[in-house]
Amino acid sequence: MIQRPFPLAVAAAALMLAAAPPSRAEPPSFDCTHATGNVEQAICASADLSARDRALAASFAQALTQLPEDGQQALRNGQRQWLRLLHRSCDGSHRPDDGDRATWQQECLTRTYEMRQNQLDHTVERQGGLVFRRVDRFAVFPLPRTPLPYENPATLAVSYPQLVTPDTPSRQAWNRAIAARFDRITGDAAEDVAIDYRLGWVSPRLISLEVSDYRFGHGAAHGNETISQSHWLLEAGRPLRAGDLFLPGRDWRRAIATHCLQELSRRPRTWAESAAKLAPIAGDPARWSFGADGLTIHFDPYEVASHADGPQQVLVPWDLLRPYLVADPPVPVR
């Protein structure tokens, strides 16, 4: 998720808050005289968290003005779910009162506010002549009966896009297909789940998404993230298939896999063995993203490199692929 810097006015306000005496610090967006629970009291006691709460409330109000009625309702639903997650996951009463509880809670609240602020800042995005709104869904699960030491409640955060104006049957079909895919995602008390997206290549013919799927099983050494690509042909009203891009009877998979093998072999700590083993990944549209320079193949951790080395990407130039492409592909071939 791309983090955007605070506007100058917000940054200046935060500096002024930090410099002011505590008794004159501005309150959050709610009335602190009626604050209840650990979370509200912690926000009221912190000038930084109070400033974040005011900024978030202002961003939420601004986001509502950019949306039609159905989008406003979805945004309100997501905000109510996020507030429940904030209060339950950052409460801190489940943690030992060993002197670190207040620090942990401050970090939890700061992290959760930053996540939501970034989401609200990108409520509406315009790309390729189309306008998208984001849908955010949250849940928090009770701790197990015998939690691990310092275990926190498991959380679910799922975000996906919808076209603001689905004014054709194919655009309506895309909205339904995306919503159905992401609404099926559920969580449980054993792991944290965070699903997010980034708009890829968008045109009147094609909508591409990059979807990140992060899972952290409680008790595991680290979380794992996978990246997948989703491509939808607007005119056809269906997902992109390999045959929409490549000519039949041409060994384009081998060409892509051979190029990937050559590129990966130049990198330290990669273990790609043969083009044949890379071909299934190279031929999967869920591993493709498109750009002006070519087709990028995405490899998940452990496929060709360790978790520490992260996911790997290989750009395959359009010039290499041109002999294999159909006459009028729905992607930005130059």
C-alpha atoms as a PDB file:
ATOM      1  CA  MET A   1       0.000   0.000   0.000  1.00  0.00           C
ATOM      2  CA  ILE A   2       1.473   3.310  -1.013  1.00  0.00           C
ATOM      3  CA  GLN A   3       1.898   5.746   1.850  1.00  0.00           C
ATOM      4  CA  ARG A   4       1.309   9.368   0.998  1.00  0.00           C
ATOM      5  CA  PRO A   5       2.890  12.212   2.999  1.00  0.00           C
ATOM      6  CA  PHE A   6       0.632  14.356   5.161  1.00  0.00           C
ATOM      7  CA  PRO A   7      -0.359  17.684   3.610  1.00  0.00           C
ATOM      8  CA  LEU A   8       1.743  20.575   4.857  1.00  0.00           C
ATOM      9  CA  ALA A   9      -1.152  22.053   6.810  1.00  0.00           C
ATOM     10  CA  VAL A  10      -1.700  18.819   8.717  1.00  0.00           C
ATOM     11  CA  ALA A  11       2.011  18.438   9.430  1.00  0.00           C
ATOM     12  CA  ALA A  12       2.163  22.015  10.704  1.00  0.00           C
ATOM     13  CA  ALA A  13      -0.857  21.428  12.917  1.00  0.00           C
ATOM     14  CA  ALA A  14       0.764  18.332  14.390  1.00  0.00           C
ATOM     15  CA  LEU A  15       3.928  20.306  15.205  1.00  0.00           C
ATOM     16  CA  MET A  16       1.876  23.016  16.898  1.00  0.00           C
ATOM     17  CA  LEU A  17       0.061  20.398  18.940  1.00  0.00           C
ATOM     18  CA  ALA A  18       3.347  18.872  20.056  1.00  0.00           C
ATOM     19  CA  ALA A  19       4.669  22.270  21.144  1.00  0.00           C
ATOM     20  CA  ALA A  20       1.542  23.356  23.038  1.00  0.00           C
ATOM     21  CA  PRO A  21       1.101  22.740  26.780  1.00  0.00           C
ATOM     22  CA  PRO A  22      -0.891  19.557  27.491  1.00  0.00           C
ATOM     23  CA  SER A  23      -3.751  21.520  29.061  1.00  0.00           C
ATOM     24  CA  ARG A  24      -4.304  23.437  25.809  1.00  0.00           C
ATOM     25  CA  ALA A  25      -4.030  20.462  23.428  1.00  0.00           C
ATOM     26  CA  GLU A  26      -6.900  20.176  20.985  1.00  0.00           C
ATOM     27  CA  PRO A  27      -9.322  17.349  21.671  1.00  0.00           C
ATOM     28  CA  PRO A  28     -10.112  14.529  19.216  1.00  0.00           C
ATOM     29  CA  SER A  29     -13.288  14.491  17.136  1.00  0.00           C
ATOM     30  CA  PHE A  30     -15.350  13.160  20.077  1.00  0.00           C
ATOM     31  CA  ASP A  31     -16.109  14.620  23.507  1.00  0.00           C
ATOM     32  CA  CYS A  32     -13.457  13.476  25.949  1.00  0.00           C
ATOM     33  CA  THR A  33     -15.678  14.315  28.941  1.00  0.00           C
ATOM     34  CA  HIS A  34     -17.705  11.262  27.939  1.00  0.00           C
ATOM     35  CA  ALA A  35     -14.747   9.034  27.024  1.00  0.00           C
ATOM     36  CA  THR A  36     -15.229   5.435  28.074  1.00  0.00           C
ATOM     37  CA  GLY A  37     -12.906   2.467  27.792  1.00  0.00           C
ATOM     38  CA  ASN A  38      -9.159   2.202  27.411  1.00  0.00           C
ATOM     39  CA  VAL A  39      -9.064   3.236  23.758  1.00  0.00           C
ATOM     40  CA  GLU A  40     -10.983   6.515  24.036  1.00  0.00           C
ATOM     41  CA  GLN A  41      -9.111   7.459  27.200  1.00  0.00           C
ATOM     42  CA  ALA A  42      -5.750   6.758  25.521  1.00  0.00           C
ATOM     43  CA  ILE A  43      -6.707   8.911  22.520  1.00  0.00           C
ATOM     44  CA  CYS A  44      -7.824  11.777  24.760  1.00  0.00           C
ATOM     45  CA  ALA A  45      -4.559  11.577  26.732  1.00  0.00           C
ATOM     46  CA  SER A  46      -2.384  11.842  23.593  1.00  0.00           C
ATOM     47  CA  ALA A  47      -2.013  14.991  21.508  1.00  0.00           C
ATOM     48  CA  ASP A  48      -0.718  12.888  18.609  1.00  0.00           C
ATOM     49  CA  LEU A  49      -3.627  10.426  18.649  1.00  0.00           C
ATOM     50  CA  SER A  50      -6.122  13.267  19.095  1.00  0.00           C
ATOM     51  CA  ALA A  51      -4.695  14.967  16.011  1.00  0.00           C
ATOM     52  CA  ARG A  52      -4.898  11.703  14.060  1.00  0.00           C
ATOM     53  CA  ASP A  53      -8.510  11.254  15.131  1.00  0.00           C
ATOM     54  CA  ARG A  54      -9.460  14.765  13.976  1.00  0.00           C
ATOM     55  CA  ALA A  55      -7.698  14.268  10.640  1.00  0.00           C
ATOM     56  CA  LEU A  56      -9.420  10.923  10.154  1.00  0.00           C
ATOM     57  CA  ALA A  57     -12.849  12.380  10.911  1.00  0.00           C
ATOM     58  CA  ALA A  58     -12.244  15.177   8.397  1.00  0.00           C
ATOM     59  CA  SER A  59     -11.080  12.692   5.735  1.00  0.00           C
ATOM     60  CA  PHE A  60     -14.125  10.508   6.331  1.00  0.00           C
ATOM     61  CA  ALA A  61     -16.478  13.465   5.906  1.00  0.00           C
ATOM     62  CA  GLN A  62     -14.661  14.516   2.729  1.00  0.00           C
ATOM     63  CA  ALA A  63     -14.760  10.981   1.322  1.00  0.00           C
ATOM     64  CA  LEU A  64     -18.544  10.852   1.743  1.00  0.00           C
ATOM     65  CA  THR A  65     -18.944  13.888  -0.512  1.00  0.00           C
ATOM     66  CA  GLN A  66     -17.192  12.064  -3.384  1.00  0.00           C
ATOM     67  CA  LEU A  67     -19.558   9.097  -3.430  1.00  0.00           C
ATOM     68  CA  PRO A  68     -23.082   8.315  -4.609  1.00  0.00           C
ATOM     69  CA  GLU A  69     -25.606   6.966  -2.110  1.00  0.00           C
ATOM     70  CA  ASP A  70     -24.598   3.297  -2.370  1.00  0.00           C
ATOM     71  CA  GLY A  71     -20.941   4.214  -1.988  1.00  0.00           C
ATOM     72  CA  GLN A  72     -21.701   6.357   1.053  1.00  0.00           C
ATOM     73  CA  GLN A  73     -23.513   3.469   2.722  1.00  0.00           C
ATOM     74  CA  ALA A  74     -20.620   1.102   2.023  1.00  0.00           C
ATOM     75  CA  LEU A  75     -18.160   3.652   3.448  1.00  0.00           C
ATOM     76  CA  ARG A  76     -20.245   4.079   6.620  1.00  0.00           C
ATOM     77  CA  ASN A  77     -20.460   0.309   7.064  1.00  0.00           C
ATOM     78  CA  GLY A  78     -16.704  -0.005   6.710  1.00  0.00           C
ATOM     79  CA  GLN A  79     -16.099   2.823   9.184  1.00  0.00           C
ATOM     80  CA  ARG A  80     -18.329   1.200  11.807  1.00  0.00           C
ATOM     81  CA  GLN A  81     -16.466  -2.085  11.379  1.00  0.00           C
ATOM     82  CA  TRP A  82     -13.111  -0.298  11.611  1.00  0.00           C
ATOM     83  CA  LEU A  83     -14.150   1.414  14.845  1.00  0.00           C
ATOM     84  CA  ARG A  84     -15.036  -1.970  16.361  1.00  0.00           C
ATOM     85  CA  LEU A  85     -11.651  -3.301  15.263  1.00  0.00           C
ATOM     86  CA  LEU A  86      -9.877  -0.260  16.743  1.00  0.00           C
ATOM     87  CA  HIS A  87     -11.572  -0.637  20.121  1.00  0.00           C
ATOM     88  CA  ARG A  88     -11.220  -4.392  20.415  1.00  0.00           C
ATOM     89  CA  SER A  89      -7.764  -4.964  18.937  1.00  0.00           C
ATOM     90  CA  CYS A  90      -6.069  -1.991  20.653  1.00  0.00           C
ATOM     91  CA  ASP A  91      -7.829  -2.198  24.019  1.00  0.00           C
ATOM     92  CA  GLY A  92      -4.791  -3.741  25.700  1.00  0.00           C
ATOM     93  CA  SER A  93      -6.627  -5.131  28.735  1.00  0.00           C
ATOM     94  CA  HIS A  94      -5.691  -8.670  27.650  1.00  0.00           C
ATOM     95  CA  ARG A  95      -1.984  -7.913  27.972  1.00  0.00           C
ATOM     96  CA  PRO A  96       0.061  -8.176  31.187  1.00  0.00           C
ATOM     97  CA  ASP A  97       0.401  -4.849  32.994  1.00  0.00           C
ATOM     98  CA  ASP A  98       4.189  -5.084  32.965  1.00  0.00           C
ATOM     99  CA  GLY A  99       4.980  -1.475  32.127  1.00  0.00           C
ATOM    100  CA  ASP A 100       4.881  -1.996  28.363  1.00  0.00           C
ATOM    101  CA  ARG A 101       1.088  -2.041  27.982  1.00  0.00           C
ATOM    102  CA  ALA A 102       0.760   1.709  27.425  1.00  0.00           C
ATOM    103  CA  THR A 103       3.564   1.697  24.838  1.00  0.00           C
ATOM    104  CA  TRP A 104       2.005  -1.259  23.046  1.00  0.00           C
ATOM    105  CA  GLN A 105      -1.400   0.442  22.987  1.00  0.00           C
ATOM    106  CA  GLN A 106       0.045   3.694  21.637  1.00  0.00           C
ATOM    107  CA  GLU A 107       1.772   1.775  18.837  1.00  0.00           C
ATOM    108  CA  CYS A 108      -1.363  -0.256  18.070  1.00  0.00           C
ATOM    109  CA  LEU A 109      -3.552   2.861  17.872  1.00  0.00           C
ATOM    110  CA  THR A 110      -1.012   4.757  15.774  1.00  0.00           C
ATOM    111  CA  ARG A 111      -0.635   1.860  13.335  1.00  0.00           C
ATOM    112  CA  THR A 112      -4.404   1.353  13.027  1.00  0.00           C
ATOM    113  CA  TYR A 113      -5.077   5.062  12.488  1.00  0.00           C
ATOM    114  CA  GLU A 114      -2.355   5.242   9.831  1.00  0.00           C
ATOM    115  CA  MET A 115      -3.873   2.275   7.981  1.00  0.00           C
ATOM    116  CA  ARG A 116      -7.344   3.817   7.954  1.00  0.00           C
ATOM    117  CA  GLN A 117      -6.074   7.282   7.035  1.00  0.00           C
ATOM    118  CA  ASN A 118      -4.329   5.869   3.981  1.00  0.00           C
ATOM    119  CA  GLN A 119      -7.497   4.017   2.980  1.00  0.00           C
ATOM    120  CA  LEU A 120      -9.684   7.107   3.290  1.00  0.00           C
ATOM    121  CA  ASP A 121      -7.155   9.165   1.325  1.00  0.00           C
ATOM    122  CA  HIS A 122      -7.717   6.725  -1.570  1.00  0.00           C
ATOM    123  CA  THR A 123     -11.467   6.306  -1.307  1.00  0.00           C
ATOM    124  CA  VAL A 124     -11.866   7.396  -4.925  1.00  0.00           C
ATOM    125  CA  GLU A 125      -9.291   6.801  -7.683  1.00  0.00           C
ATOM    126  CA  ARG A 126      -9.442   7.806 -11.336  1.00  0.00           C
ATOM    127  CA  GLN A 127      -7.491   5.841 -13.893  1.00  0.00           C
ATOM    128  CA  GLY A 128      -7.804   5.037 -17.587  1.00  0.00           C
ATOM    129  CA  GLY A 129     -10.994   7.058 -17.943  1.00  0.00           C
ATOM    130  CA  LEU A 130     -12.766   5.111 -15.179  1.00  0.00           C
ATOM    131  CA  VAL A 131     -13.606   6.063 -11.582  1.00  0.00           C
ATOM    132  CA  PHE A 132     -13.248   3.543  -8.753  1.00  0.00           C
ATOM    133  CA  ARG A 133     -14.270   3.569  -5.100  1.00  0.00           C
ATOM    134  CA  ARG A 134     -12.758   1.313  -2.481  1.00  0.00           C
ATOM    135  CA  VAL A 135     -14.753  -0.980  -0.230  1.00  0.00           C
ATOM    136  CA  ASP A 136     -13.200  -1.866   3.130  1.00  0.00           C
ATOM    137  CA  ARG A 137     -14.359  -4.668   5.418  1.00  0.00           C
ATOM    138  CA  PHE A 138     -13.023  -5.387   8.907  1.00  0.00           C
ATOM    139  CA  ALA A 139     -13.492  -7.956  11.656  1.00  0.00           C
ATOM    140  CA  VAL A 140     -11.798  -8.801  14.935  1.00  0.00           C
ATOM    141  CA  PHE A 141     -12.038 -12.192  16.630  1.00  0.00           C
ATOM    142  CA  PRO A 142     -12.070 -13.169  20.319  1.00  0.00           C
ATOM    143  CA  LEU A 143      -8.876 -14.454  21.823  1.00  0.00           C
ATOM    144  CA  PRO A 144      -8.681 -18.245  22.162  1.00  0.00           C
ATOM    145  CA  ARG A 145      -9.336 -19.745  25.588  1.00  0.00           C
ATOM    146  CA  THR A 146      -5.627 -20.392  26.048  1.00  0.00           C
ATOM    147  CA  PRO A 147      -3.892 -17.561  24.180  1.00  0.00           C
ATOM    148  CA  LEU A 148      -0.210 -17.566  23.499  1.00  0.00           C
ATOM    149  CA  PRO A 149       1.916 -15.190  25.606  1.00  0.00           C
ATOM    150  CA  TYR A 150       1.296 -11.631  24.445  1.00  0.00           C
ATOM    151  CA  GLU A 151      -1.107 -12.855  21.739  1.00  0.00           C
ATOM    152  CA  ASN A 152      -3.405 -10.176  20.341  1.00  0.00           C
ATOM    153  CA  PRO A 153      -6.908 -10.657  18.914  1.00  0.00           C
ATOM    154  CA  ALA A 154      -6.825 -11.834  15.304  1.00  0.00           C
ATOM    155  CA  THR A 155      -8.021  -9.303  12.758  1.00  0.00           C
ATOM    156  CA  LEU A 156      -9.405  -9.339   9.219  1.00  0.00           C
ATOM    157  CA  ALA A 157      -9.031  -6.412   6.807  1.00  0.00           C
ATOM    158  CA  VAL A 158     -10.283  -6.830   3.242  1.00  0.00           C
ATOM    159  CA  SER A 159     -10.279  -4.056   0.627  1.00  0.00           C
ATOM    160  CA  TYR A 160     -11.414  -4.138  -2.991  1.00  0.00           C
ATOM    161  CA  PRO A 161     -12.488  -1.684  -5.714  1.00  0.00           C
ATOM    162  CA  GLN A 162     -15.829  -1.039  -7.360  1.00  0.00           C
ATOM    163  CA  LEU A 163     -16.658   1.133 -10.344  1.00  0.00           C
ATOM    164  CA  VAL A 164     -18.496   4.232  -9.150  1.00  0.00           C
ATOM    165  CA  THR A 165     -20.691   4.290 -12.263  1.00  0.00           C
ATOM    166  CA  PRO A 166     -21.232   0.762 -13.618  1.00  0.00           C
ATOM    167  CA  ASP A 167     -23.230   2.025 -16.591  1.00  0.00           C
ATOM    168  CA  THR A 168     -22.850  -1.003 -18.888  1.00  0.00           C
ATOM    169  CA  PRO A 169     -23.636  -4.704 -18.356  1.00  0.00           C
ATOM    170  CA  SER A 170     -19.934  -5.612 -18.580  1.00  0.00           C
ATOM    171  CA  ARG A 171     -18.987  -3.043 -15.939  1.00  0.00           C
ATOM    172  CA  GLN A 172     -21.777  -4.308 -13.706  1.00  0.00           C
ATOM    173  CA  ALA A 173     -20.456  -7.835 -14.229  1.00  0.00           C
ATOM    174  CA  TRP A 174     -16.972  -6.727 -13.153  1.00  0.00           C
ATOM    175  CA  ASN A 175     -18.363  -5.141  -9.985  1.00  0.00           C
ATOM    176  CA  ARG A 176     -20.256  -8.333  -9.146  1.00  0.00           C
ATOM    177  CA  ALA A 177     -17.297 -10.603  -9.884  1.00  0.00           C
ATOM    178  CA  ILE A 178     -14.868  -8.558  -7.762  1.00  0.00           C
ATOM    179  CA  ALA A 179     -17.306  -8.219  -4.848  1.00  0.00           C
ATOM    180  CA  ALA A 180     -18.058 -11.953  -4.910  1.00  0.00           C
ATOM    181  CA  ARG A 181     -14.358 -12.834  -4.916  1.00  0.00           C
ATOM    182  CA  PHE A 182     -13.456 -10.644  -1.956  1.00  0.00           C
ATOM    183  CA  ASP A 183     -16.633 -11.122   0.079  1.00  0.00           C
ATOM    184  CA  ARG A 184     -15.888 -14.859   0.260  1.00  0.00           C
ATOM    185  CA  ILE A 185     -12.741 -14.160   2.289  1.00  0.00           C
ATOM    186  CA  THR A 186     -13.216 -14.912   5.975  1.00  0.00           C
ATOM    187  CA  GLY A 187     -10.932 -15.071   8.978  1.00  0.00           C
ATOM    188  CA  ASP A 188     -10.683 -16.795  12.335  1.00  0.00           C
ATOM    189  CA  ALA A 189      -9.045 -16.436  15.725  1.00  0.00           C
ATOM    190  CA  ALA A 190      -5.846 -18.201  14.626  1.00  0.00           C
ATOM    191  CA  GLU A 191      -4.401 -15.703  12.135  1.00  0.00           C
ATOM    192  CA  ASP A 192      -4.367 -12.108  10.958  1.00  0.00           C
ATOM    193  CA  VAL A 193      -5.554 -11.595   7.381  1.00  0.00           C
ATOM    194  CA  ALA A 194      -4.981  -8.431   5.332  1.00  0.00           C
ATOM    195  CA  ILE A 195      -6.142  -8.286   1.702  1.00  0.00           C
ATOM    196  CA  ASP A 196      -5.508  -5.144  -0.303  1.00  0.00           C
ATOM    197  CA  TYR A 197      -5.214  -4.112  -3.932  1.00  0.00           C
ATOM    198  CA  ARG A 198      -3.539  -1.715  -6.323  1.00  0.00           C
ATOM    199  CA  LEU A 199      -4.982  -0.669  -9.659  1.00  0.00           C
ATOM    200  CA  GLY A 200      -2.815  -1.886 -12.521  1.00  0.00           C
ATOM    201  CA  TRP A 201      -3.370  -1.247 -16.229  1.00  0.00           C
ATOM    202  CA  VAL A 202      -6.806   0.312 -16.747  1.00  0.00           C
ATOM    203  CA  SER A 203      -8.377   1.202 -20.087  1.00  0.00           C
ATOM    204  CA  PRO A 204     -11.846   1.078 -21.656  1.00  0.00           C
ATOM    205  CA  ARG A 205     -10.950  -2.484 -22.713  1.00  0.00           C
ATOM    206  CA  LEU A 206      -9.241  -3.931 -19.635  1.00  0.00           C
ATOM    207  CA  ILE A 207      -9.125  -3.536 -15.847  1.00  0.00           C
ATOM    208  CA  SER A 208      -6.111  -5.049 -14.081  1.00  0.00           C
ATOM    209  CA  LEU A 209      -5.649  -5.350 -10.331  1.00  0.00           C
ATOM    210  CA  GLU A 210      -2.725  -6.388  -8.209  1.00  0.00           C
ATOM    211  CA  VAL A 211      -4.015  -8.158  -5.094  1.00  0.00           C
ATOM    212  CA  SER A 212      -1.876  -8.664  -1.992  1.00  0.00           C
ATOM    213  CA  ASP A 213      -2.838 -11.414   0.435  1.00  0.00           C
ATOM    214  CA  TYR A 214      -1.016 -11.289   3.779  1.00  0.00           C
ATOM    215  CA  ARG A 215      -1.515 -13.979   6.435  1.00  0.00           C
ATOM    216  CA  PHE A 216       0.122 -14.178   9.855  1.00  0.00           C
ATOM    217  CA  GLY A 217      -0.635 -17.320  11.821  1.00  0.00           C
ATOM    218  CA  HIS A 218      -0.408 -16.647  15.532  1.00  0.00           C
ATOM    219  CA  GLY A 219       2.689 -18.335  16.860  1.00  0.00           C
ATOM    220  CA  ALA A 220       4.448 -18.329  13.472  1.00  0.00           C
ATOM    221  CA  ALA A 221       7.907 -16.840  13.005  1.00  0.00           C
ATOM    222  CA  HIS A 222       6.659 -14.411  10.359  1.00  0.00           C
ATOM    223  CA  GLY A 223       3.741 -13.661   8.089  1.00  0.00           C
ATOM    224  CA  ASN A 224       3.518 -14.641   4.440  1.00  0.00           C
ATOM    225  CA  GLU A 225       2.346 -12.496   1.556  1.00  0.00           C
ATOM    226  CA  THR A 226       1.328 -13.598  -1.920  1.00  0.00           C
ATOM    227  CA  ILE A 227       0.650 -11.324  -4.872  1.00  0.00           C
ATOM    228  CA  SER A 228      -1.800 -12.161  -7.637  1.00  0.00           C
ATOM    229  CA  GLN A 229      -3.057 -10.293 -10.680  1.00  0.00           C
ATOM    230  CA  SER A 230      -6.648 -10.020 -11.853  1.00  0.00           C
ATOM    231  CA  HIS A 231      -7.529  -8.968 -15.418  1.00  0.00           C
ATOM    232  CA  TRP A 232     -11.038  -8.325 -16.739  1.00  0.00           C
ATOM    233  CA  LEU A 233     -11.998  -7.734 -20.365  1.00  0.00           C
ATOM    234  CA  LEU A 234     -14.726  -5.114 -20.285  1.00  0.00           C
ATOM    235  CA  GLU A 235     -15.991  -5.666 -23.817  1.00  0.00           C
ATOM    236  CA  ALA A 236     -16.237  -9.450 -23.377  1.00  0.00           C
ATOM    237  CA  GLY A 237     -17.410  -9.235 -19.755  1.00  0.00           C
ATOM    238  CA  ARG A 238     -15.050 -11.963 -18.507  1.00  0.00           C
ATOM    239  CA  PRO A 239     -11.552 -12.577 -17.143  1.00  0.00           C
ATOM    240  CA  LEU A 240      -8.601 -12.333 -19.517  1.00  0.00           C
ATOM    241  CA  ARG A 241      -7.362 -15.630 -20.956  1.00  0.00           C
ATOM    242  CA  ALA A 242      -3.970 -16.435 -22.394  1.00  0.00           C
ATOM    243  CA  GLY A 243      -5.547 -16.759 -25.842  1.00  0.00           C
ATOM    244  CA  ASP A 244      -6.672 -13.120 -25.687  1.00  0.00           C
ATOM    245  CA  LEU A 245      -3.011 -12.108 -25.769  1.00  0.00           C
ATOM    246  CA  PHE A 246      -1.045 -14.887 -27.479  1.00  0.00           C
ATOM    247  CA  LEU A 247      -1.449 -16.651 -30.811  1.00  0.00           C
ATOM    248  CA  PRO A 248      -2.384 -20.333 -30.691  1.00  0.00           C
ATOM    249  CA  GLY A 249       0.289 -22.821 -31.734  1.00  0.00           C
ATOM    250  CA  ARG A 250       3.180 -20.563 -30.726  1.00  0.00           C
ATOM    251  CA  ASP A 251       5.486 -21.620 -27.908  1.00  0.00           C
ATOM    252  CA  TRP A 252       5.177 -18.330 -26.054  1.00  0.00           C
ATOM    253  CA  ARG A 253       5.319 -20.010 -22.622  1.00  0.00           C
ATOM    254  CA  ARG A 254       8.779 -21.376 -23.354  1.00  0.00           C
ATOM    255  CA  ALA A 255       9.939 -17.993 -24.632  1.00  0.00           C
ATOM    256  CA  ILE A 256       8.772 -16.266 -21.445  1.00  0.00           C
ATOM    257  CA  ALA A 257      10.131 -18.997 -19.165  1.00  0.00           C
ATOM    258  CA  THR A 258      13.525 -18.970 -20.903  1.00  0.00           C
ATOM    259  CA  HIS A 259      13.810 -15.209 -20.495  1.00  0.00           C
ATOM    260  CA  CYS A 260      12.822 -15.480 -16.813  1.00  0.00           C
ATOM    261  CA  LEU A 261      15.440 -18.182 -16.244  1.00  0.00           C
ATOM    262  CA  GLN A 262      18.134 -16.019 -17.809  1.00  0.00           C
ATOM    263  CA  GLU A 263      17.185 -12.996 -15.729  1.00  0.00           C
ATOM    264  CA  LEU A 264      16.840 -14.886 -12.450  1.00  0.00           C
ATOM    265  CA  SER A 265      20.177 -16.662 -12.933  1.00  0.00           C
ATOM    266  CA  ARG A 266      21.907 -13.257 -12.834  1.00  0.00           C
ATOM    267  CA  ARG A 267      20.516 -12.530  -9.371  1.00  0.00           C
ATOM    268  CA  PRO A 268      22.175 -13.746  -6.171  1.00  0.00           C
ATOM    269  CA  ARG A 269      20.338 -16.278  -4.006  1.00  0.00           C
ATOM    270  CA  THR A 270      17.782 -17.399  -6.596  1.00  0.00           C
ATOM    271  CA  TRP A 271      17.320 -21.077  -7.440  1.00  0.00           C
ATOM    272  CA  ALA A 272      15.382 -21.309 -10.699  1.00  0.00           C
ATOM    273  CA  GLU A 273      16.459 -24.641 -12.220  1.00  0.00           C
ATOM    274  CA  SER A 274      14.959 -24.819 -15.692  1.00  0.00           C
ATOM    275  CA  ALA A 275      12.616 -23.081 -18.110  1.00  0.00           C
ATOM    276  CA  ALA A 276      10.329 -26.120 -17.978  1.00  0.00           C
ATOM    277  CA  LYS A 277       9.733 -25.636 -14.253  1.00  0.00           C
ATOM    278  CA  LEU A 278       9.051 -21.917 -14.728  1.00  0.00           C
ATOM    279  CA  ALA A 279       6.650 -22.408 -17.659  1.00  0.00           C
ATOM    280  CA  PRO A 280       3.476 -23.042 -15.578  1.00  0.00           C
ATOM    281  CA  ILE A 281       4.002 -19.752 -13.730  1.00  0.00           C
ATOM    282  CA  ALA A 282       4.926 -17.924 -16.929  1.00  0.00           C
ATOM    283  CA  GLY A 283       1.693 -19.121 -18.551  1.00  0.00           C
ATOM    284  CA  ASP A 284      -0.637 -18.110 -15.726  1.00  0.00           C
ATOM    285  CA  PRO A 285      -2.436 -14.755 -16.275  1.00  0.00           C
ATOM    286  CA  ALA A 286      -2.721 -14.414 -12.492  1.00  0.00           C
ATOM    287  CA  ARG A 287       1.076 -13.891 -12.513  1.00  0.00           C
ATOM    288  CA  TRP A 288       1.065 -11.189 -15.221  1.00  0.00           C
ATOM    289  CA  SER A 289       1.023  -7.426 -14.977  1.00  0.00           C
ATOM    290  CA  PHE A 290       1.186  -5.065 -17.916  1.00  0.00           C
ATOM    291  CA  GLY A 291       3.092  -1.865 -18.556  1.00  0.00           C
ATOM    292  CA  ALA A 292       4.454   0.242 -21.372  1.00  0.00           C
ATOM    293  CA  ASP A 293       7.765  -1.649 -21.337  1.00  0.00           C
ATOM    294  CA  GLY A 294       6.457  -5.187 -21.318  1.00  0.00           C
ATOM    295  CA  LEU A 295       4.839  -8.051 -19.448  1.00  0.00           C
ATOM    296  CA  THR A 296       5.989  -8.610 -15.851  1.00  0.00           C
ATOM    297  CA  ILE A 297       5.976 -12.118 -14.360  1.00  0.00           C
ATOM    298  CA  HIS A 298       5.491 -12.268 -10.577  1.00  0.00           C
ATOM    299  CA  PHE A 299       7.031 -15.013  -8.429  1.00  0.00           C
ATOM    300  CA  ASP A 300       5.945 -15.538  -4.818  1.00  0.00           C
ATOM    301  CA  PRO A 301       8.425 -16.073  -1.951  1.00  0.00           C
ATOM    302  CA  TYR A 302       9.939 -19.569  -1.893  1.00  0.00           C
ATOM    303  CA  GLU A 303       9.251 -20.177  -5.608  1.00  0.00           C
ATOM    304  CA  VAL A 304      12.592 -18.887  -6.897  1.00  0.00           C
ATOM    305  CA  ALA A 305      14.055 -17.162  -3.814  1.00  0.00           C
ATOM    306  CA  SER A 306      13.850 -17.256  -0.040  1.00  0.00           C
ATOM    307  CA  HIS A 307      11.309 -15.447   2.095  1.00  0.00           C
ATOM    308  CA  ALA A 308      14.021 -13.028   3.196  1.00  0.00           C
ATOM    309  CA  ASP A 309      14.724 -12.111  -0.443  1.00  0.00           C
ATOM    310  CA  GLY A 310      11.039 -11.451  -1.013  1.00  0.00           C
ATOM    311  CA  PRO A 311       8.895 -11.871  -4.118  1.00  0.00           C
ATOM    312  CA  GLN A 312      10.692 -11.656  -7.450  1.00  0.00           C
ATOM    313  CA  GLN A 313       9.554  -9.983 -10.671  1.00  0.00           C
ATOM    314  CA  VAL A 314      10.917 -10.358 -14.188  1.00  0.00           C
ATOM    315  CA  LEU A 315      10.080  -7.908 -16.978  1.00  0.00           C
ATOM    316  CA  VAL A 316       9.651  -9.519 -20.399  1.00  0.00           C
ATOM    317  CA  PRO A 317       9.981  -6.788 -23.064  1.00  0.00           C
ATOM    318  CA  TRP A 318       7.231  -6.417 -25.643  1.00  0.00           C
ATOM    319  CA  ASP A 319       9.853  -6.665 -28.379  1.00  0.00           C
ATOM    320  CA  LEU A 320      10.608 -10.226 -27.303  1.00  0.00           C
ATOM    321  CA  LEU A 321       6.902 -11.103 -27.192  1.00  0.00           C
ATOM    322  CA  ARG A 322       5.798  -9.367 -30.373  1.00  0.00           C
ATOM    323  CA  PRO A 323       6.096 -12.473 -32.626  1.00  0.00           C
ATOM    324  CA  TYR A 324       3.703 -14.344 -30.325  1.00  0.00           C
ATOM    325  CA  LEU A 325       1.016 -11.673 -29.835  1.00  0.00           C
ATOM    326  CA  VAL A 326      -2.419 -11.482 -31.433  1.00  0.00           C
ATOM    327  CA  ALA A 327      -3.048  -8.623 -33.862  1.00  0.00           C
ATOM    328  CA  ASP A 328      -4.871  -6.300 -31.458  1.00  0.00           C
ATOM    329  CA  PRO A 329      -4.078  -7.261 -27.855  1.00  0.00           C
ATOM    330  CA  PRO A 330      -5.994  -5.464 -25.052  1.00  0.00           C
ATOM    331  CA  VAL A 331      -2.755  -4.388 -23.358  1.00  0.00           C
ATOM    332  CA  PRO A 332      -0.336  -1.457 -23.827  1.00  0.00           C
ATOM    333  CA  VAL A 333       2.010  -2.956 -26.440  1.00  0.00           C
ATOM    334  CA  ARG A 334       4.305  -0.338 -27.950  1.00  0.00           C
END
